[in-house]
C-alpha atoms as a PDB file:
ATOM      1  CA  MET A   1     267.063 189.423  91.014  1.00  0.00           C
ATOM      2  CA  PHE A   2     270.367 187.145  90.052  1.00  0.00           C
ATOM      3  CA  ASN A   3     271.134 190.137  87.279  1.00  0.00           C
ATOM      4  CA  ARG A   4     270.640 192.664  89.650  1.00  0.00           C
ATOM      5  CA  ALA A   5     272.921 191.296  92.810  1.00  0.00           C
ATOM      6  CA  VAL A   6     275.597 190.511  89.631  1.00  0.00           C
ATOM      7  CA  ASP A   7     275.791 193.908  88.683  1.00  0.00           C
ATOM      8  CA  GLN A   8     275.506 194.963  92.508  1.00  0.00           C
ATOM      9  CA  LEU A   9     278.703 192.989  93.082  1.00  0.00           C
ATOM     10  CA  GLY A  10     280.838 196.032  90.783  1.00  0.00           C
ATOM     11  CA  SER A  11     279.676 198.676  93.435  1.00  0.00           C
ATOM     12  CA  ASP A  12     282.167 200.559  95.539  1.00  0.00           C
ATOM     13  CA  LYS A  13     280.238 200.255  98.208  1.00  0.00           C
ATOM     14  CA  LEU A  14     281.337 197.350 100.633  1.00  0.00           C
ATOM     15  CA  GLU A  15     277.100 197.038 102.198  1.00  0.00           C
ATOM     16  CA  VAL A  16     276.259 197.021  98.778  1.00  0.00           C
ATOM     17  CA  ARG A  17     278.489 194.071  97.483  1.00  0.00           C
ATOM     18  CA  LEU A  18     277.758 192.176 100.924  1.00  0.00           C
ATOM     19  CA  GLY A  19     274.191 192.587  99.940  1.00  0.00           C
ATOM     20  CA  ALA A  20     274.965 191.075  96.651  1.00  0.00           C
ATOM     21  CA  ILE A  21     276.430 188.318  97.787  1.00  0.00           C
ATOM     22  CA  TYR A  22     274.133 187.241 100.291  1.00  0.00           C
ATOM     23  CA  THR A  23     271.359 187.797  98.187  1.00  0.00           C
ATOM     24  CA  LEU A  24     273.163 185.452  95.596  1.00  0.00           C
ATOM     25  CA  LYS A  25     273.848 182.749  98.288  1.00  0.00           C
ATOM     26  CA  ARG A  26     269.752 182.736  98.994  1.00  0.00           C
ATOM     27  CA  LEU A  27     269.076 182.195  95.392  1.00  0.00           C
ATOM     28  CA  SER A  28     271.565 179.401  94.764  1.00  0.00           C
ATOM     29  CA  ARG A  29     270.156 177.655  97.438  1.00  0.00           C
ATOM     30  CA  ASP A  30     266.441 178.101  96.348  1.00  0.00           C
ATOM     31  CA  PRO A  31     265.028 175.323  94.646  1.00  0.00           C
ATOM     32  CA  GLN A  32     262.762 177.892  92.486  1.00  0.00           C
ATOM     33  CA  TYR A  33     266.434 178.954  91.045  1.00  0.00           C
ATOM     34  CA  ALA A  34     268.092 175.666  90.651  1.00  0.00           C
ATOM     35  CA  ASP A  35     269.226 176.574  87.174  1.00  0.00           C
ATOM     36  CA  TYR A  36     271.140 179.654  88.511  1.00  0.00           C
ATOM     37  CA  ARG A  37     273.203 177.473  91.092  1.00  0.00           C
ATOM     38  CA  VAL A  38     276.283 176.939  88.712  1.00  0.00           C
ATOM     39  CA  PRO A  39     276.374 180.380  87.085  1.00  0.00           C
ATOM     40  CA  ILE A  40     276.475 182.254  90.907  1.00  0.00           C
ATOM     41  CA  LEU A  41     279.028 179.735  91.883  1.00  0.00           C
ATOM     42  CA  GLU A  42     281.164 180.441  88.873  1.00  0.00           C
ATOM     43  CA  THR A  43     280.587 184.462  89.407  1.00  0.00           C
ATOM     44  CA  LEU A  44     281.347 184.284  92.645  1.00  0.00           C
ATOM     45  CA  SER A  45     284.571 182.385  92.020  1.00  0.00           C
ATOM     46  CA  ALA A  46     285.253 184.797  89.207  1.00  0.00           C
ATOM     47  CA  TYR A  47     284.785 187.657  91.528  1.00  0.00           C
ATOM     48  CA  VAL A  48     287.454 186.131  93.801  1.00  0.00           C
ATOM     49  CA  ARG A  49     289.683 185.424  91.671  1.00  0.00           C
ATOM     50  CA  GLU A  50     289.397 189.196  90.256  1.00  0.00           C
ATOM     51  CA  ARG A  51     289.820 190.602  93.790  1.00  0.00           C
ATOM     52  CA  THR A  52     293.110 188.821  95.151  1.00  0.00           C
ATOM     53  CA  ARG A  53     294.919 188.640  92.098  1.00  0.00           C
ATOM     54  CA  ASN A  54     297.362 191.230  93.337  1.00  0.00           C
ATOM     55  CA  ASP A  55     297.135 190.460  96.849  1.00  0.00           C
ATOM     56  CA  GLU A  56     299.607 187.822  98.019  1.00  0.00           C
ATOM     57  CA  ASN A  57     300.383 188.974 101.256  1.00  0.00           C
ATOM     58  CA  THR A  58     297.621 191.058 102.579  1.00  0.00           C
ATOM     59  CA  GLU A  59     294.756 189.346 104.557  1.00  0.00           C
ATOM     60  CA  PRO A  60     291.367 189.208 101.741  1.00  0.00           C
ATOM     61  CA  ALA A  61     288.811 192.067 102.019  1.00  0.00           C
ATOM     62  CA  VAL A  62     285.405 191.129 103.989  1.00  0.00           C
ATOM     63  CA  ASP A  63     283.385 190.893 100.557  1.00  0.00           C
ATOM     64  CA  VAL A  64     286.037 187.780  99.368  1.00  0.00           C
ATOM     65  CA  ARG A  65     285.884 186.498 102.877  1.00  0.00           C
ATOM     66  CA  GLU A  66     282.446 186.173 102.750  1.00  0.00           C
ATOM     67  CA  ILE A  67     282.326 184.501  99.383  1.00  0.00           C
ATOM     68  CA  MET A  68     285.530 182.072 100.757  1.00  0.00           C
ATOM     69  CA  ALA A  69     283.090 180.806 103.392  1.00  0.00           C
ATOM     70  CA  LEU A  70     280.286 180.383 100.643  1.00  0.00           C
ATOM     71  CA  LEU A  71     281.982 178.431  98.532  1.00  0.00           C
ATOM     72  CA  THR A  72     283.478 176.777 101.710  1.00  0.00           C
ATOM     73  CA  GLU A  73     280.086 175.528 102.753  1.00  0.00           C
ATOM     74  CA  GLU A  74     279.197 174.259  99.368  1.00  0.00           C
ATOM     75  CA  LEU A  75     281.715 172.318  99.118  1.00  0.00           C
ATOM     76  CA  SER A  76     281.553 170.539 102.685  1.00  0.00           C
ATOM     77  CA  GLU A  77     277.552 170.497 101.591  1.00  0.00           C
ATOM     78  CA  ARG A  78     278.864 168.388  98.240  1.00  0.00           C
ATOM     79  CA  ASN A  79     280.831 166.495 100.184  1.00  0.00           C
ATOM     80  CA  GLN A  80     278.843 165.179 102.803  1.00  0.00           C
ATOM     81  CA  SER A  81     275.771 164.268  99.919  1.00  0.00           C
END
């Protein structure tokens, strides 16, 4: 499931990318996939870096905003622990 979701991040279709992001989010919180948590967060962080590299003055795309929300939640949860 992890590999497929990562592959889908490269899709041209927004809905496929969003599905991949939501799948990775779910996997990152599933105890069965605990070993994938760090690679998932690193993959999503790299996606944001690549997608925003040349977009200095524009609002981030929907998929980038969703990842940023996920990463913000993750940091917030860590700080509360």
